[in-house]
């Protein structure tokens, strides 16, 4: 996963790090040098870094109405419904 921090943070003190991107280690190993040559400041984060957040989602098939749920394993979360 990656996270851009190229805009002011929502929370005080509204940290701002223009041109900066954070990459989890596998992605960092694969593309960090390319991004650095493009002028980005690249920060390596450990694999499965929890500061990237935990996504939970539900997708509804518009034709059938069938719901499919998923939860990110980084957090204690689950999908349930009927």
PDB file of N, CA and C in Angstrom:
ATOM      1  N   UNK A   1       0.828  -1.177   0.000  1.00  0.00           N
ATOM      2  CA  UNK A   1       0.000   0.000   0.000  1.00  0.00           C
ATOM      3  C   UNK A   1       0.876   1.246   0.000  1.00  0.00           C
ATOM      4  N   UNK A   2       0.274   2.341  -0.332  1.00  0.00           N
ATOM      5  CA  UNK A   2       0.978   3.618  -0.302  1.00  0.00           C
ATOM      6  C   UNK A   2       0.064   4.669   0.296  1.00  0.00           C
ATOM      7  N   UNK A   3       0.681   5.753   0.726  1.00  0.00           N
ATOM      8  CA  UNK A   3      -0.081   6.873   1.295  1.00  0.00           C
ATOM      9  C   UNK A   3       0.618   8.165   0.893  1.00  0.00           C
ATOM     10  N   UNK A   4      -0.114   9.046   0.258  1.00  0.00           N
ATOM     11  CA  UNK A   4       0.441  10.351  -0.048  1.00  0.00           C
ATOM     12  C   UNK A   4       0.246  11.271   1.149  1.00  0.00           C
ATOM     13  N   UNK A   5       1.247  12.040   1.441  1.00  0.00           N
ATOM     14  CA  UNK A   5       1.147  13.045   2.508  1.00  0.00           C
ATOM     15  C   UNK A   5       1.488  14.412   1.917  1.00  0.00           C
ATOM     16  N   UNK A   6       1.076  14.593   0.672  1.00  0.00           N
ATOM     17  CA  UNK A   6       1.373  15.789  -0.098  1.00  0.00           C
ATOM     18  C   UNK A   6       0.363  16.915   0.155  1.00  0.00           C
ATOM     19  N   UNK A   7      -0.467  16.773   1.162  1.00  0.00           N
ATOM     20  CA  UNK A   7      -1.457  17.799   1.475  1.00  0.00           C
ATOM     21  C   UNK A   7      -1.537  17.931   2.996  1.00  0.00           C
ATOM     22  N   UNK A   8      -2.019  19.039   3.505  1.00  0.00           N
ATOM     23  CA  UNK A   8      -2.085  19.209   4.960  1.00  0.00           C
ATOM     24  C   UNK A   8      -2.943  18.137   5.621  1.00  0.00           C
ATOM     25  N   UNK A   9      -2.453  17.587   6.718  1.00  0.00           N
ATOM     26  CA  UNK A   9      -3.180  16.589   7.482  1.00  0.00           C
ATOM     27  C   UNK A   9      -4.478  17.190   8.024  1.00  0.00           C
ATOM     28  N   UNK A  10      -5.499  16.372   8.141  1.00  0.00           N
ATOM     29  CA  UNK A  10      -6.791  16.838   8.652  1.00  0.00           C
ATOM     30  C   UNK A  10      -6.750  17.209  10.125  1.00  0.00           C
ATOM     31  N   UNK A  11      -5.831  16.617  10.862  1.00  0.00           N
ATOM     32  CA  UNK A  11      -5.786  16.798  12.306  1.00  0.00           C
ATOM     33  C   UNK A  11      -4.659  17.739  12.699  1.00  0.00           C
ATOM     34  N   UNK A  12      -4.894  18.522  13.751  1.00  0.00           N
ATOM     35  CA  UNK A  12      -3.877  19.442  14.252  1.00  0.00           C
ATOM     36  C   UNK A  12      -2.636  18.652  14.638  1.00  0.00           C
ATOM     37  N   UNK A  13      -1.471  19.139  14.325  1.00  0.00           N
ATOM     38  CA  UNK A  13      -1.126  20.476  13.856  1.00  0.00           C
ATOM     39  C   UNK A  13      -1.108  20.631  12.334  1.00  0.00           C
ATOM     40  N   UNK A  14      -1.863  19.806  11.602  1.00  0.00           N
ATOM     41  CA  UNK A  14      -1.997  19.909  10.142  1.00  0.00           C
ATOM     42  C   UNK A  14      -0.645  19.816   9.431  1.00  0.00           C
ATOM     43  N   UNK A  15       0.093  18.771   9.754  1.00  0.00           N
ATOM     44  CA  UNK A  15       1.400  18.532   9.146  1.00  0.00           C
ATOM     45  C   UNK A  15       1.283  18.536   7.632  1.00  0.00           C
ATOM     46  N   UNK A  16       2.244  19.154   6.987  1.00  0.00           N
ATOM     47  CA  UNK A  16       2.252  19.271   5.530  1.00  0.00           C
ATOM     48  C   UNK A  16       3.636  18.875   5.029  1.00  0.00           C
ATOM     49  N   UNK A  17       3.694  17.860   4.180  1.00  0.00           N
ATOM     50  CA  UNK A  17       4.970  17.384   3.633  1.00  0.00           C
ATOM     51  C   UNK A  17       4.856  17.289   2.118  1.00  0.00           C
ATOM     52  N   UNK A  18       4.991  18.421   1.439  1.00  0.00           N
ATOM     53  CA  UNK A  18       4.808  18.421  -0.021  1.00  0.00           C
ATOM     54  C   UNK A  18       5.775  17.474  -0.724  1.00  0.00           C
ATOM     55  N   UNK A  19       5.254  16.782  -1.737  1.00  0.00           N
ATOM     56  CA  UNK A  19       6.071  15.891  -2.549  1.00  0.00           C
ATOM     57  C   UNK A  19       6.481  14.613  -1.847  1.00  0.00           C
ATOM     58  N   UNK A  20       5.785  14.246  -0.772  1.00  0.00           N
ATOM     59  CA  UNK A  20       6.178  13.083   0.016  1.00  0.00           C
ATOM     60  C   UNK A  20       5.150  11.968  -0.124  1.00  0.00           C
ATOM     61  N   UNK A  21       5.661  10.748  -0.229  1.00  0.00           N
ATOM     62  CA  UNK A  21       4.811   9.562  -0.302  1.00  0.00           C
ATOM     63  C   UNK A  21       5.404   8.494   0.609  1.00  0.00           C
ATOM     64  N   UNK A  22       4.538   7.751   1.286  1.00  0.00           N
ATOM     65  CA  UNK A  22       4.965   6.644   2.141  1.00  0.00           C
ATOM     66  C   UNK A  22       4.572   5.340   1.459  1.00  0.00           C
ATOM     67  N   UNK A  23       5.500   4.377   1.445  1.00  0.00           N
ATOM     68  CA  UNK A  23       5.266   3.091   0.798  1.00  0.00           C
ATOM     69  C   UNK A  23       5.537   1.959   1.768  1.00  0.00           C
ATOM     70  N   UNK A  24       4.670   0.949   1.772  1.00  0.00           N
ATOM     71  CA  UNK A  24       4.989  -0.245   2.538  1.00  0.00           C
ATOM     72  C   UNK A  24       6.194  -0.933   1.903  1.00  0.00           C
ATOM     73  N   UNK A  25       6.933  -1.664   2.699  1.00  0.00           N
ATOM     74  CA  UNK A  25       8.229  -2.197   2.289  1.00  0.00           C
ATOM     75  C   UNK A  25       8.230  -2.906   0.938  1.00  0.00           C
ATOM     76  N   UNK A  26       7.334  -3.845   0.641  1.00  0.00           N
ATOM     77  CA  UNK A  26       7.423  -4.497  -0.675  1.00  0.00           C
ATOM     78  C   UNK A  26       7.309  -3.518  -1.843  1.00  0.00           C
ATOM     79  N   UNK A  27       6.430  -2.542  -1.718  1.00  0.00           N
ATOM     80  CA  UNK A  27       6.268  -1.539  -2.762  1.00  0.00           C
ATOM     81  C   UNK A  27       7.477  -0.610  -2.791  1.00  0.00           C
ATOM     82  N   UNK A  28       7.981  -0.271  -1.619  1.00  0.00           N
ATOM     83  CA  UNK A  28       9.186   0.566  -1.516  1.00  0.00           C
ATOM     84  C   UNK A  28      10.338  -0.089  -2.271  1.00  0.00           C
ATOM     85  N   UNK A  29      10.549  -1.377  -2.030  1.00  0.00           N
ATOM     86  CA  UNK A  29      11.643  -2.090  -2.685  1.00  0.00           C
ATOM     87  C   UNK A  29      11.505  -2.068  -4.206  1.00  0.00           C
ATOM     88  N   UNK A  30      10.265  -2.101  -4.675  1.00  0.00           N
ATOM     89  CA  UNK A  30      10.017  -2.181  -6.120  1.00  0.00           C
ATOM     90  C   UNK A  30      10.107  -0.848  -6.845  1.00  0.00           C
ATOM     91  N   UNK A  31       9.684   0.267  -6.209  1.00  0.00           N
ATOM     92  CA  UNK A  31       9.559   1.508  -6.986  1.00  0.00           C
ATOM     93  C   UNK A  31      10.134   2.761  -6.342  1.00  0.00           C
ATOM     94  N   UNK A  32      10.679   2.664  -5.139  1.00  0.00           N
ATOM     95  CA  UNK A  32      11.132   3.875  -4.436  1.00  0.00           C
ATOM     96  C   UNK A  32      12.182   4.648  -5.227  1.00  0.00           C
ATOM     97  N   UNK A  33      13.156   3.967  -5.782  1.00  0.00           N
ATOM     98  CA  UNK A  33      14.219   4.676  -6.510  1.00  0.00           C
ATOM     99  C   UNK A  33      13.672   5.422  -7.716  1.00  0.00           C
ATOM    100  N   UNK A  34      12.715   4.824  -8.419  1.00  0.00           N
ATOM    101  CA  UNK A  34      12.097   5.510  -9.563  1.00  0.00           C
ATOM    102  C   UNK A  34      11.383   6.782  -9.112  1.00  0.00           C
ATOM    103  N   UNK A  35      10.646   6.691  -8.001  1.00  0.00           N
ATOM    104  CA  UNK A  35       9.942   7.868  -7.490  1.00  0.00           C
ATOM    105  C   UNK A  35      10.923   8.950  -7.040  1.00  0.00           C
ATOM    106  N   UNK A  36      12.020   8.538  -6.432  1.00  0.00           N
ATOM    107  CA  UNK A  36      13.032   9.515  -5.991  1.00  0.00           C
ATOM    108  C   UNK A  36      13.642  10.250  -7.183  1.00  0.00           C
ATOM    109  N   UNK A  37      13.873   9.541  -8.286  1.00  0.00           N
ATOM    110  CA  UNK A  37      14.426  10.207  -9.465  1.00  0.00           C
ATOM    111  C   UNK A  37      13.440  11.189 -10.081  1.00  0.00           C
ATOM    112  N   UNK A  38      12.146  11.019  -9.773  1.00  0.00           N
ATOM    113  CA  UNK A  38      11.125  11.957 -10.238  1.00  0.00           C
ATOM    114  C   UNK A  38      10.970  13.140  -9.286  1.00  0.00           C
ATOM    115  N   UNK A  39      11.722  13.128  -8.185  1.00  0.00           N
ATOM    116  CA  UNK A  39      11.696  14.257  -7.268  1.00  0.00           C
ATOM    117  C   UNK A  39      10.891  14.061  -6.001  1.00  0.00           C
ATOM    118  N   UNK A  40      10.301  12.897  -5.824  1.00  0.00           N
ATOM    119  CA  UNK A  40       9.519  12.638  -4.614  1.00  0.00           C
ATOM    120  C   UNK A  40      10.420  12.351  -3.422  1.00  0.00           C
ATOM    121  N   UNK A  41       9.953  12.713  -2.247  1.00  0.00           N
ATOM    122  CA  UNK A  41      10.543  12.240  -1.000  1.00  0.00           C
ATOM    123  C   UNK A  41       9.785  10.973  -0.652  1.00  0.00           C
ATOM    124  N   UNK A  42      10.508   9.864  -0.523  1.00  0.00           N
ATOM    125  CA  UNK A  42       9.872   8.567  -0.325  1.00  0.00           C
ATOM    126  C   UNK A  42      10.258   8.026   1.046  1.00  0.00           C
ATOM    127  N   UNK A  43       9.247   7.647   1.819  1.00  0.00           N
ATOM    128  CA  UNK A  43       9.473   7.128   3.165  1.00  0.00           C
ATOM    129  C   UNK A  43       9.063   5.662   3.187  1.00  0.00           C
ATOM    130  N   UNK A  44       9.964   4.826   3.668  1.00  0.00           N
ATOM    131  CA  UNK A  44       9.671   3.396   3.772  1.00  0.00           C
ATOM    132  C   UNK A  44       8.930   3.109   5.079  1.00  0.00           C
ATOM    133  N   UNK A  45       7.862   2.346   4.967  1.00  0.00           N
ATOM    134  CA  UNK A  45       7.104   1.891   6.130  1.00  0.00           C
ATOM    135  C   UNK A  45       7.159   0.366   6.160  1.00  0.00           C
ATOM    136  N   UNK A  46       7.032  -0.238   7.350  1.00  0.00           N
ATOM    137  CA  UNK A  46       7.045  -1.699   7.407  1.00  0.00           C
ATOM    138  C   UNK A  46       5.842  -2.299   6.685  1.00  0.00           C
ATOM    139  N   UNK A  47       5.996  -3.546   6.270  1.00  0.00           N
ATOM    140  CA  UNK A  47       4.882  -4.256   5.659  1.00  0.00           C
ATOM    141  C   UNK A  47       3.752  -4.385   6.681  1.00  0.00           C
ATOM    142  N   UNK A  48       2.512  -4.224   6.239  1.00  0.00           N
ATOM    143  CA  UNK A  48       1.316  -4.274   7.074  1.00  0.00           C
ATOM    144  C   UNK A  48       1.267  -3.127   8.081  1.00  0.00           C
ATOM    145  N   UNK A  49       1.843  -1.984   7.729  1.00  0.00           N
ATOM    146  CA  UNK A  49       1.826  -0.808   8.598  1.00  0.00           C
ATOM    147  C   UNK A  49       0.382  -0.366   8.828  1.00  0.00           C
ATOM    148  N   UNK A  50      -0.002  -0.230  10.083  1.00  0.00           N
ATOM    149  CA  UNK A  50      -1.390   0.072  10.417  1.00  0.00           C
ATOM    150  C   UNK A  50      -1.767   1.533  10.217  1.00  0.00           C
ATOM    151  N   UNK A  51      -0.817   2.428  10.078  1.00  0.00           N
ATOM    152  CA  UNK A  51      -1.172   3.841   9.887  1.00  0.00           C
ATOM    153  C   UNK A  51      -1.819   4.098   8.525  1.00  0.00           C
ATOM    154  N   UNK A  52      -1.807   3.119   7.642  1.00  0.00           N
ATOM    155  CA  UNK A  52      -2.457   3.267   6.350  1.00  0.00           C
ATOM    156  C   UNK A  52      -3.974   3.102   6.463  1.00  0.00           C
ATOM    157  N   UNK A  53      -4.435   2.674   7.624  1.00  0.00           N
ATOM    158  CA  UNK A  53      -5.864   2.519   7.854  1.00  0.00           C
ATOM    159  C   UNK A  53      -6.345   1.132   7.504  1.00  0.00           C
ATOM    160  N   UNK A  54      -7.536   0.839   7.920  1.00  0.00           N
ATOM    161  CA  UNK A  54      -8.166  -0.443   7.631  1.00  0.00           C
ATOM    162  C   UNK A  54      -9.467  -0.212   6.891  1.00  0.00           C
ATOM    163  N   UNK A  55      -9.534  -0.679   5.679  1.00  0.00           N
ATOM    164  CA  UNK A  55     -10.690  -0.441   4.823  1.00  0.00           C
ATOM    165  C   UNK A  55     -11.722  -1.553   5.009  1.00  0.00           C
ATOM    166  N   UNK A  56     -12.961  -1.167   5.161  1.00  0.00           N
ATOM    167  CA  UNK A  56     -14.088  -2.105   5.139  1.00  0.00           C
ATOM    168  C   UNK A  56     -15.033  -1.610   4.049  1.00  0.00           C
ATOM    169  N   UNK A  57     -15.626  -2.543   3.320  1.00  0.00           N
ATOM    170  CA  UNK A  57     -16.481  -2.103   2.226  1.00  0.00           C
ATOM    171  C   UNK A  57     -17.597  -3.085   1.958  1.00  0.00           C
ATOM    172  N   UNK A  58     -18.608  -2.593   1.274  1.00  0.00           N
ATOM    173  CA  UNK A  58     -19.708  -3.405   0.775  1.00  0.00           C
ATOM    174  C   UNK A  58     -19.916  -3.017  -0.684  1.00  0.00           C
ATOM    175  N   UNK A  59     -20.021  -4.019  -1.524  1.00  0.00           N
ATOM    176  CA  UNK A  59     -20.296  -3.797  -2.945  1.00  0.00           C
ATOM    177  C   UNK A  59     -21.670  -4.382  -3.241  1.00  0.00           C
ATOM    178  N   UNK A  60     -22.508  -3.610  -3.908  1.00  0.00           N
ATOM    179  CA  UNK A  60     -23.845  -4.074  -4.292  1.00  0.00           C
ATOM    180  C   UNK A  60     -23.892  -4.268  -5.789  1.00  0.00           C
ATOM    181  N   UNK A  61     -24.220  -5.479  -6.204  1.00  0.00           N
ATOM    182  CA  UNK A  61     -24.382  -5.770  -7.626  1.00  0.00           C
ATOM    183  C   UNK A  61     -25.667  -5.093  -8.088  1.00  0.00           C
ATOM    184  N   UNK A  62     -25.587  -4.138  -9.023  1.00  0.00           N
ATOM    185  CA  UNK A  62     -26.781  -3.396  -9.433  1.00  0.00           C
ATOM    186  C   UNK A  62     -27.824  -4.248 -10.147  1.00  0.00           C
ATOM    187  N   UNK A  63     -27.407  -5.369 -10.726  1.00  0.00           N
ATOM    188  CA  UNK A  63     -28.363  -6.218 -11.442  1.00  0.00           C
ATOM    189  C   UNK A  63     -29.101  -7.168 -10.509  1.00  0.00           C
ATOM    190  N   UNK A  64     -28.397  -7.740  -9.529  1.00  0.00           N
ATOM    191  CA  UNK A  64     -29.003  -8.750  -8.661  1.00  0.00           C
ATOM    192  C   UNK A  64     -29.336  -8.232  -7.268  1.00  0.00           C
ATOM    193  N   UNK A  65     -28.718  -7.115  -6.882  1.00  0.00           N
ATOM    194  CA  UNK A  65     -28.886  -6.610  -5.536  1.00  0.00           C
ATOM    195  C   UNK A  65     -28.027  -7.346  -4.518  1.00  0.00           C
ATOM    196  N   UNK A  66     -27.273  -8.342  -4.969  1.00  0.00           N
ATOM    197  CA  UNK A  66     -26.418  -9.135  -4.077  1.00  0.00           C
ATOM    198  C   UNK A  66     -25.347  -8.241  -3.444  1.00  0.00           C
ATOM    199  N   UNK A  67     -25.170  -8.394  -2.136  1.00  0.00           N
ATOM    200  CA  UNK A  67     -24.175  -7.629  -1.407  1.00  0.00           C
ATOM    201  C   UNK A  67     -22.965  -8.509  -1.108  1.00  0.00           C
ATOM    202  N   UNK A  68     -21.776  -7.955  -1.311  1.00  0.00           N
ATOM    203  CA  UNK A  68     -20.535  -8.626  -0.966  1.00  0.00           C
ATOM    204  C   UNK A  68     -19.763  -7.699  -0.045  1.00  0.00           C
ATOM    205  N   UNK A  69     -19.332  -8.221   1.095  1.00  0.00           N
ATOM    206  CA  UNK A  69     -18.602  -7.412   2.062  1.00  0.00           C
ATOM    207  C   UNK A  69     -17.184  -7.902   2.224  1.00  0.00           C
ATOM    208  N   UNK A  70     -16.296  -6.986   2.613  1.00  0.00           N
ATOM    209  CA  UNK A  70     -14.899  -7.326   2.854  1.00  0.00           C
ATOM    210  C   UNK A  70     -14.362  -6.445   3.969  1.00  0.00           C
ATOM    211  N   UNK A  71     -13.393  -6.982   4.704  1.00  0.00           N
ATOM    212  CA  UNK A  71     -12.761  -6.241   5.792  1.00  0.00           C
ATOM    213  C   UNK A  71     -11.245  -6.398   5.684  1.00  0.00           C
ATOM    214  N   UNK A  72     -10.549  -5.320   5.921  1.00  0.00           N
ATOM    215  CA  UNK A  72      -9.088  -5.306   5.866  1.00  0.00           C
ATOM    216  C   UNK A  72      -8.528  -6.075   7.061  1.00  0.00           C
ATOM    217  N   UNK A  73      -7.622  -7.018   6.839  1.00  0.00           N
ATOM    218  CA  UNK A  73      -7.074  -7.796   7.950  1.00  0.00           C
ATOM    219  C   UNK A  73      -6.135  -7.009   8.858  1.00  0.00           C
ATOM    220  N   UNK A  74      -5.847  -5.754   8.535  1.00  0.00           N
ATOM    221  CA  UNK A  74      -4.981  -4.935   9.389  1.00  0.00           C
ATOM    222  C   UNK A  74      -5.669  -4.530  10.694  1.00  0.00           C
ATOM    223  N   UNK A  75      -6.971  -4.571  10.703  1.00  0.00           N
ATOM    224  CA  UNK A  75      -7.747  -4.149  11.858  1.00  0.00           C
ATOM    225  C   UNK A  75      -8.664  -5.288  12.301  1.00  0.00           C
ATOM    226  N   UNK A  76      -9.134  -5.220  13.525  1.00  0.00           N
ATOM    227  CA  UNK A  76     -10.131  -6.168  13.996  1.00  0.00           C
ATOM    228  C   UNK A  76     -11.482  -5.784  13.435  1.00  0.00           C
ATOM    229  N   UNK A  77     -11.804  -6.242  12.245  1.00  0.00           N
ATOM    230  CA  UNK A  77     -13.043  -5.857  11.569  1.00  0.00           C
ATOM    231  C   UNK A  77     -13.589  -7.065  10.814  1.00  0.00           C
ATOM    232  N   UNK A  78     -14.866  -6.984  10.436  1.00  0.00           N
ATOM    233  CA  UNK A  78     -15.484  -8.060   9.682  1.00  0.00           C
ATOM    234  C   UNK A  78     -16.649  -7.481   8.887  1.00  0.00           C
ATOM    235  N   UNK A  79     -17.075  -8.269   7.946  1.00  0.00           N
ATOM    236  CA  UNK A  79     -18.252  -7.901   7.149  1.00  0.00           C
ATOM    237  C   UNK A  79     -19.372  -8.840   7.539  1.00  0.00           C
ATOM    238  N   UNK A  80     -20.561  -8.304   7.724  1.00  0.00           N
ATOM    239  CA  UNK A  80     -21.716  -9.149   8.029  1.00  0.00           C
ATOM    240  C   UNK A  80     -22.963  -8.496   7.487  1.00  0.00           C
ATOM    241  N   UNK A  81     -23.978  -9.249   7.311  1.00  0.00           N
ATOM    242  CA  UNK A  81     -25.221  -8.695   6.796  1.00  0.00           C
ATOM    243  C   UNK A  81     -26.174  -9.801   6.411  1.00  0.00           C
ATOM    244  N   UNK A  82     -27.228  -9.401   5.725  1.00  0.00           N
ATOM    245  CA  UNK A  82     -28.199 -10.390   5.247  1.00  0.00           C
ATOM    246  C   UNK A  82     -28.790  -9.953   3.942  1.00  0.00           C
TER     247      UNK A  82
END
